Protein backbone atom coordinates (compact mmCIF):
# COMPACT_ATOMS: atom_id res chain seq x y z
CA SER A 1 -131.00 72.64 43.79
CA LYS A 2 -129.07 75.41 44.40
CA GLU A 3 -126.01 74.27 42.82
CA THR A 4 -128.12 73.21 39.80
CA ARG A 5 -130.39 76.38 39.86
CA GLY A 6 -127.17 78.62 38.74
CA ASP A 7 -126.30 76.36 36.20
CA VAL A 8 -130.35 76.34 34.71
CA LEU A 9 -130.06 80.07 34.62
CA GLU A 10 -126.61 80.52 32.82
CA LYS A 11 -127.88 78.10 30.02
CA ASN A 12 -131.36 79.82 29.87
CA PRO A 13 -131.08 83.39 31.03
CA GLY A 14 -134.17 84.14 30.04
CA PHE A 15 -136.32 81.53 32.02
CA ALA A 16 -138.75 82.82 34.85
CA LEU A 17 -138.93 81.51 37.97
CA GLY A 18 -141.50 78.90 37.08
CA ASP A 19 -139.33 77.67 34.30
CA VAL A 20 -136.53 77.21 36.45
CA GLY A 21 -138.69 75.10 38.66
CA LYS A 22 -139.73 73.06 35.97
CA GLU A 23 -136.27 72.69 34.51
CA LEU A 24 -134.97 71.35 37.75
CA GLY A 25 -138.04 69.05 38.24
CA ARG A 26 -136.96 67.48 34.81
CA ARG A 27 -133.53 67.24 35.95
CA TRP A 28 -134.41 65.47 39.28
CA ARG A 29 -136.75 63.15 37.60
CA GLU A 30 -134.29 62.07 35.00
CA MET A 31 -131.30 61.70 37.59
CA ASP A 32 -130.06 58.25 38.56
CA ALA A 33 -130.26 57.00 42.24
CA GLU A 34 -126.69 56.94 42.99
CA THR A 35 -126.68 60.69 41.99
CA LYS A 36 -129.89 61.45 43.81
CA LYS A 37 -128.27 59.91 47.21
CA SER A 38 -125.79 62.73 47.07
CA PHE A 39 -128.36 65.44 47.29
CA ASP A 40 -130.61 63.42 49.86
CA ALA A 41 -127.22 63.31 52.15
CA LYS A 42 -126.99 67.41 51.67
CA ALA A 43 -130.55 67.78 52.38
CA ALA A 44 -130.48 65.57 55.60
CA ASP A 45 -127.26 67.53 57.00
CA ALA A 46 -129.29 70.95 55.93
CA LYS A 47 -132.20 69.88 57.90
CA VAL A 48 -129.99 69.00 61.02
CA ALA A 49 -128.32 72.17 61.18
CA TYR A 50 -131.74 73.91 60.53
CA GLU A 51 -133.26 72.07 63.45
CA ALA A 52 -130.18 72.88 65.81
CA ALA A 53 -130.41 76.63 64.57
CA MET A 54 -134.18 76.38 65.19
CA LYS A 55 -134.00 75.07 68.87
CA GLU A 56 -131.26 77.58 69.65
CA TYR A 57 -133.58 80.68 68.28
CA LYS A 58 -136.43 79.57 70.18
CA ALA A 59 -134.55 78.83 73.32
CA GLY A 60 -133.11 82.45 72.84
CA LYS A 61 -136.78 83.82 72.08
CA LYS A 62 -138.20 82.36 75.33
CA ALA A 63 -135.39 83.80 77.29
CA THR A 64 -135.85 87.32 75.97
CA VAL A 65 -139.89 87.09 76.53
CA VAL A 66 -138.88 86.07 80.34
CA ASP A 67 -136.39 88.96 80.43
CA ASP A 68 -139.11 91.46 78.93
CA ASP A 69 -141.64 90.62 81.56
CA ASP A 70 -139.02 91.64 84.42
CA ASP A 71 -139.15 95.33 84.79
CA SER A 72 -135.85 96.32 86.33
CA ASP A 73 -137.22 99.54 87.57
CA GLY A 74 -139.69 97.95 90.00
CA GLY A 75 -142.62 100.26 88.85
CA SER A 76 -145.77 100.01 87.59
CA GLY A 77 -144.64 101.52 84.33
CA SER A 78 -147.08 104.64 84.66
CA ASP A 79 -144.34 107.27 85.18
């Protein structure tokens, strides 16, 4: 919908956010199955990229939490 959203806004500059969503939904319902396949393929690719990024993010976050618990000064923290 990112590609189509710009087209909707260009043709209908007065549309509010909800109006844009309704128009995108209308276009999706009217779209033939062959055209939808290309959008579904893009969505699947985006999902794979998102899941990889999220896995990397969570792994980094866990490493950060472990690092934060390790006090390098060896003290109790009440200096």
